[in-house]
């Protein structure tokens, strides 16, 4: 490549350079793959989204592994009400601090509500052996002793649902639902949890998509106020109830919140949302959500 470059044969020099760097790119990909292997999703660590930030990721992982979880700082993350919810569901604002946002210009109906969780559990399955990975000793991977194969639903859970309105042609026949939504957005925001600035927050939640989400490339978008939408978890389907974990460094203002947004046609259930501070050894801080 250098010889062709010296001969001012730019196109050939470029192709030879690409060919020479191809094995390096394969090795870079393998380093990145092993780094994200113990994570639920690559965006679970803000530094695992690129090969070039992996040194920061390993330093971050070391801090996580050397810490211990504190108490849950998010209130009403289990979506429990004082009494039974109506059959049509209770308003999300029934829980202090939780709120709903929506911008629906497409021909759809969007609804966020709190449902009774009866009959929403998965069928019993044999948990089998707890999965293990090369980095199972780090707390990026849930400790096998604490691994929960099924969520503790309690009596209520959150539901996000979006359905297309039924349109008919000139003959009265129903038209098919839209293939893509561009102006539909339904979100539920949690209250902000107050955590020690500079500490690490572990955000966890259970999700079950009962109706696969269509007409959207994003599906169900789950993100926190620290990483924002660029580091969001995007789901269009799940095999049942599944738990996800995100790890974030708490900003100077000490507030962390989480948002669940539905951008397509379908239905999703969410429960047991937690924001837990990971404290250094000897540190004892009780975080309180306001």
Protein backbone atom coordinates (compact mmCIF):
# COMPACT_ATOMS: atom_id res chain seq x y z
CA UNK A 1 0.00 0.00 0.00
CA UNK A 2 2.84 2.37 0.80
CA UNK A 3 4.48 1.63 -2.54
CA UNK A 4 1.27 2.42 -4.40
CA UNK A 5 0.83 5.54 -2.28
CA UNK A 6 4.33 6.73 -3.19
CA UNK A 7 3.47 6.05 -6.85
CA UNK A 8 0.36 8.23 -6.42
CA UNK A 9 -1.92 5.30 -7.31
CA UNK A 10 -4.50 6.32 -4.73
CA UNK A 11 -7.22 3.81 -5.54
CA UNK A 12 -4.92 0.78 -5.38
CA UNK A 13 -3.23 2.05 -2.23
CA UNK A 14 -6.63 2.43 -0.56
CA UNK A 15 -7.73 -1.12 -1.46
CA UNK A 16 -4.46 -2.61 -0.24
CA UNK A 17 -4.69 -0.67 3.02
CA UNK A 18 -8.22 -1.96 3.61
CA UNK A 19 -7.12 -5.50 2.91
CA UNK A 20 -4.15 -5.21 5.29
CA UNK A 21 -6.36 -3.89 8.11
CA UNK A 22 -9.07 -6.52 7.71
CA UNK A 23 -7.51 -9.00 10.23
CA UNK A 24 -7.17 -6.16 12.74
CA UNK A 25 -10.84 -5.34 12.39
CA UNK A 26 -11.71 -9.00 13.02
CA UNK A 27 -9.67 -8.94 16.23
CA UNK A 28 -11.29 -5.65 17.29
CA UNK A 29 -14.73 -7.18 16.78
CA UNK A 30 -13.78 -10.20 18.90
CA UNK A 31 -12.52 -7.99 21.73
CA UNK A 32 -15.79 -6.05 21.66
CA UNK A 33 -17.89 -9.23 21.53
CA UNK A 34 -16.21 -10.66 24.64
CA UNK A 35 -16.67 -7.36 26.45
CA UNK A 36 -20.44 -7.26 25.87
CA UNK A 37 -20.97 -11.00 26.40
CA UNK A 38 -21.99 -10.70 30.08
CA UNK A 39 -24.32 -7.74 29.43
CA UNK A 40 -28.03 -8.00 28.76
CA UNK A 41 -27.53 -5.59 25.86
CA UNK A 42 -24.41 -3.74 24.64
CA UNK A 43 -25.88 -0.41 25.75
CA UNK A 44 -26.08 -1.67 29.34
CA UNK A 45 -22.63 -0.11 29.80
CA UNK A 46 -22.19 3.37 28.32
CA UNK A 47 -18.61 2.48 27.32
CA UNK A 48 -19.34 -0.86 25.62
CA UNK A 49 -20.90 0.59 22.49
CA UNK A 50 -17.55 0.94 20.70
CA UNK A 51 -14.21 -0.86 20.57
CA UNK A 52 -12.40 2.43 21.15
CA UNK A 53 -14.06 3.04 24.54
CA UNK A 54 -13.43 -0.49 25.90
CA UNK A 55 -10.60 0.68 28.23
CA UNK A 56 -13.16 2.91 29.96
CA UNK A 57 -15.61 0.01 29.98
CA UNK A 58 -13.19 -2.29 31.82
CA UNK A 59 -12.48 0.42 34.41
CA UNK A 60 -16.24 0.88 34.79
CA UNK A 61 -16.73 -2.89 35.13
CA UNK A 62 -14.07 -3.00 37.85
CA UNK A 63 -15.94 -0.35 39.83
CA UNK A 64 -19.18 -2.31 39.44
CA UNK A 65 -17.57 -5.58 40.52
CA UNK A 66 -16.08 -4.01 43.65
CA UNK A 67 -19.36 -2.44 44.80
CA UNK A 68 -22.43 -3.73 46.55
CA UNK A 69 -26.09 -2.91 45.83
CA UNK A 70 -27.93 -0.54 48.13
CA UNK A 71 -31.67 -0.16 48.56
CA UNK A 72 -34.04 0.55 45.71
CA UNK A 73 -34.37 4.32 45.27
CA UNK A 74 -37.38 4.29 42.94
CA UNK A 75 -40.80 4.45 44.53
CA UNK A 76 -43.82 2.65 43.10
CA UNK A 77 -41.70 0.73 40.60
CA UNK A 78 -43.88 -2.32 41.24
CA UNK A 79 -46.99 -0.34 40.17
CA UNK A 80 -48.96 -1.56 43.18
CA UNK A 81 -52.26 0.18 43.91
CA UNK A 82 -54.20 0.24 47.18
CA UNK A 83 -57.04 -1.71 45.66
CA UNK A 84 -57.92 -3.71 42.57
CA UNK A 85 -57.58 -1.86 39.28
CA UNK A 86 -60.65 -1.50 37.03
CA UNK A 87 -60.96 -3.99 34.20
CA UNK A 88 -60.05 -1.24 31.75
CA UNK A 89 -57.00 -0.34 33.84
CA UNK A 90 -56.06 2.50 36.18
CA UNK A 91 -54.37 5.75 35.20
CA UNK A 92 -50.58 5.81 35.49
CA UNK A 93 -50.89 9.09 37.39
CA UNK A 94 -52.55 7.10 40.17
CA UNK A 95 -49.00 6.52 41.42
CA UNK A 96 -47.21 9.64 42.74
CA UNK A 97 -44.47 10.88 40.45
CA UNK A 98 -45.32 8.68 37.46
CA UNK A 99 -46.61 10.46 34.35
CA UNK A 100 -47.64 9.79 30.75
CA UNK A 101 -46.68 11.61 27.54
CA UNK A 102 -47.99 11.00 24.07
CA UNK A 103 -47.88 12.51 20.63
CA UNK A 104 -50.21 10.63 18.31
CA UNK A 105 -50.83 12.05 14.85
CA UNK A 106 -51.14 8.71 13.05
CA UNK A 107 -54.50 6.96 12.88
CA UNK A 108 -53.98 4.94 16.07
CA UNK A 109 -55.21 4.72 19.64
CA UNK A 110 -52.53 4.78 22.36
CA UNK A 111 -53.18 3.89 25.99
CA UNK A 112 -50.95 3.59 29.06
CA UNK A 113 -52.53 2.02 32.14
CA UNK A 114 -51.97 -0.09 35.22
CA UNK A 115 -53.51 -3.56 34.96
CA UNK A 116 -54.21 -6.34 37.39
CA UNK A 117 -51.41 -8.87 36.92
CA UNK A 118 -53.58 -11.92 37.49
CA UNK A 119 -53.18 -14.45 34.65
CA UNK A 120 -50.30 -12.47 33.15
CA UNK A 121 -47.57 -14.78 34.45
CA UNK A 122 -45.58 -17.07 32.17
CA UNK A 123 -46.24 -20.77 32.23
CA UNK A 124 -43.97 -22.60 34.71
CA UNK A 125 -40.72 -23.74 33.12
CA UNK A 126 -37.76 -25.75 34.30
CA UNK A 127 -35.14 -23.09 35.14
CA UNK A 128 -32.31 -25.52 34.36
CA UNK A 129 -28.81 -24.37 35.05
CA UNK A 130 -28.00 -20.73 35.56
CA UNK A 131 -26.20 -19.38 32.50
CA UNK A 132 -22.50 -18.69 32.88
CA UNK A 133 -20.08 -16.57 30.90
CA UNK A 134 -16.39 -15.89 30.89
CA UNK A 135 -16.97 -12.84 33.08
CA UNK A 136 -19.66 -14.30 35.34
CA UNK A 137 -17.70 -13.15 38.40
CA UNK A 138 -18.46 -9.50 37.55
CA UNK A 139 -21.71 -7.97 38.66
CA UNK A 140 -22.53 -6.94 35.13
CA UNK A 141 -23.91 -10.47 35.03
CA UNK A 142 -26.58 -11.22 37.61
CA UNK A 143 -25.18 -13.41 40.35
CA UNK A 144 -26.48 -16.96 39.68
CA UNK A 145 -27.54 -17.16 43.33
CA UNK A 146 -29.79 -14.14 42.81
CA UNK A 147 -30.94 -15.09 39.32
CA UNK A 148 -34.72 -14.89 39.04
CA UNK A 149 -36.22 -16.81 36.16
CA UNK A 150 -39.63 -15.21 36.68
CA UNK A 151 -40.63 -11.76 37.98
CA UNK A 152 -42.44 -11.06 41.23
CA UNK A 153 -45.48 -9.54 39.61
CA UNK A 154 -47.44 -8.67 42.70
CA UNK A 155 -50.99 -7.57 41.96
CA UNK A 156 -50.43 -4.94 39.25
CA UNK A 157 -48.16 -4.07 36.34
CA UNK A 158 -47.77 -1.36 33.71
CA UNK A 159 -49.22 -1.79 30.23
CA UNK A 160 -48.44 0.22 27.09
CA UNK A 161 -50.77 -0.47 24.19
CA UNK A 162 -51.18 1.00 20.71
CA UNK A 163 -53.76 -0.14 18.18
CA UNK A 164 -54.67 1.05 14.71
CA UNK A 165 -58.09 2.56 14.18
CA UNK A 166 -60.25 0.61 11.78
CA UNK A 167 -60.52 2.40 8.46
CA UNK A 168 -62.81 1.24 5.66
CA UNK A 169 -62.73 1.67 1.93
CA UNK A 170 -65.56 3.00 -0.22
CA UNK A 171 -67.23 -0.43 -0.13
CA UNK A 172 -67.13 -0.66 3.64
CA UNK A 173 -64.35 -3.25 3.80
CA UNK A 174 -61.75 -2.81 6.56
CA UNK A 175 -58.37 -1.56 5.40
CA UNK A 176 -55.14 -3.20 6.61
CA UNK A 177 -53.29 -1.50 9.49
CA UNK A 178 -50.50 0.93 8.60
CA UNK A 179 -47.14 -0.60 7.73
CA UNK A 180 -45.16 2.17 9.38
CA UNK A 181 -45.89 4.78 12.04
CA UNK A 182 -43.96 8.03 11.90
CA UNK A 183 -45.91 10.28 14.25
CA UNK A 184 -46.96 8.03 17.13
CA UNK A 185 -45.28 8.09 20.53
CA UNK A 186 -46.57 6.90 23.92
CA UNK A 187 -44.26 7.21 26.94
CA UNK A 188 -44.39 6.67 30.68
CA UNK A 189 -41.86 8.56 32.82
CA UNK A 190 -40.81 7.52 36.31
CA UNK A 191 -40.11 9.95 39.14
CA UNK A 192 -36.47 10.91 39.56
CA UNK A 193 -34.49 8.93 42.11
CA UNK A 194 -31.92 10.84 44.16
CA UNK A 195 -28.58 9.02 44.28
CA UNK A 196 -25.06 9.97 45.39
CA UNK A 197 -23.41 11.94 42.54
CA UNK A 198 -20.57 10.00 40.93
CA UNK A 199 -21.85 6.63 42.14
CA UNK A 200 -23.08 3.88 39.84
CA UNK A 201 -26.79 3.19 39.40
CA UNK A 202 -28.12 -0.20 38.37
CA UNK A 203 -31.44 0.15 36.56
CA UNK A 204 -33.46 -3.03 36.17
CA UNK A 205 -36.94 -3.92 34.95
CA UNK A 206 -39.00 -6.82 33.65
CA UNK A 207 -40.64 -6.66 30.22
CA UNK A 208 -43.11 -8.92 28.44
CA UNK A 209 -44.33 -8.03 24.96
CA UNK A 210 -47.68 -9.76 24.67
CA UNK A 211 -48.34 -8.60 21.10
CA UNK A 212 -45.24 -8.25 18.85
CA UNK A 213 -44.64 -4.60 18.02
CA UNK A 214 -44.95 -3.78 14.33
CA UNK A 215 -44.97 -0.69 12.11
CA UNK A 216 -41.89 0.69 13.89
CA UNK A 217 -38.14 0.07 13.76
CA UNK A 218 -37.77 1.07 17.43
CA UNK A 219 -40.61 -0.91 19.01
CA UNK A 220 -40.58 -0.52 22.78
CA UNK A 221 -37.85 1.94 23.79
CA UNK A 222 -36.54 1.73 27.37
CA UNK A 223 -34.03 4.37 28.42
CA UNK A 224 -32.78 6.33 31.40
CA UNK A 225 -32.19 10.04 31.92
CA UNK A 226 -28.39 9.58 31.99
CA UNK A 227 -27.81 7.62 28.78
CA UNK A 228 -30.87 8.99 27.00
CA UNK A 229 -32.34 7.56 23.82
CA UNK A 230 -28.95 6.85 22.15
CA UNK A 231 -28.27 4.17 24.80
CA UNK A 232 -31.85 2.89 24.87
CA UNK A 233 -32.96 -0.73 24.86
CA UNK A 234 -35.20 -1.37 21.85
CA UNK A 235 -37.49 -4.39 21.77
CA UNK A 236 -40.04 -5.68 19.30
CA UNK A 237 -40.70 -9.04 21.01
CA UNK A 238 -39.70 -11.11 24.04
CA UNK A 239 -39.95 -14.87 24.76
CA UNK A 240 -41.99 -14.07 27.87
CA UNK A 241 -41.12 -12.07 30.95
CA UNK A 242 -37.45 -11.04 30.70
CA UNK A 243 -35.33 -8.89 32.99
CA UNK A 244 -32.89 -6.27 31.74
CA UNK A 245 -30.15 -4.31 33.54
CA UNK A 246 -28.55 -0.97 32.67
CA UNK A 247 -25.54 0.55 34.48
CA UNK A 248 -24.99 4.31 34.59
CA UNK A 249 -22.71 6.78 36.37
CA UNK A 250 -24.87 9.18 38.39
CA UNK A 251 -24.48 12.79 37.14
CA UNK A 252 -23.56 15.72 39.44
CA UNK A 253 -27.19 16.66 40.09
CA UNK A 254 -27.75 13.14 41.47
CA UNK A 255 -31.03 12.39 39.72
CA UNK A 256 -31.83 9.30 37.63
CA UNK A 257 -35.18 8.49 36.02
CA UNK A 258 -36.37 5.92 33.51
CA UNK A 259 -38.74 6.11 30.54
CA UNK A 260 -40.68 3.43 28.67
CA UNK A 261 -41.92 4.49 25.24
CA UNK A 262 -44.00 2.60 22.69
CA UNK A 263 -43.52 3.68 19.07
CA UNK A 264 -45.38 0.98 17.13
CA UNK A 265 -48.49 -1.18 17.06
CA UNK A 266 -48.52 -3.77 19.83
CA UNK A 267 -48.72 -4.23 23.57
CA UNK A 268 -46.07 -4.48 26.30
CA UNK A 269 -46.14 -5.23 30.02
CA UNK A 270 -43.57 -3.78 32.44
CA UNK A 271 -43.04 -4.52 36.12
CA UNK A 272 -40.58 -4.42 39.03
CA UNK A 273 -38.66 -1.32 37.91
CA UNK A 274 -35.73 -0.55 40.20
CA UNK A 275 -32.97 2.05 40.41
CA UNK A 276 -30.40 0.73 42.85
CA UNK A 277 -27.20 2.53 43.86
CA UNK A 278 -24.05 0.40 43.74
CA UNK A 279 -22.04 1.49 46.75
CA UNK A 280 -18.33 1.18 47.38
CA UNK A 281 -17.22 -1.10 50.21
CA UNK A 282 -17.96 0.54 53.56
CA UNK A 283 -20.31 3.10 52.06
CA UNK A 284 -23.81 3.12 53.47
CA UNK A 285 -26.13 5.54 51.71
CA UNK A 286 -29.90 5.30 51.63
CA UNK A 287 -31.20 6.95 48.48
CA UNK A 288 -34.67 8.42 48.53
CA UNK A 289 -36.90 9.09 45.52
CA UNK A 290 -38.84 12.35 45.48
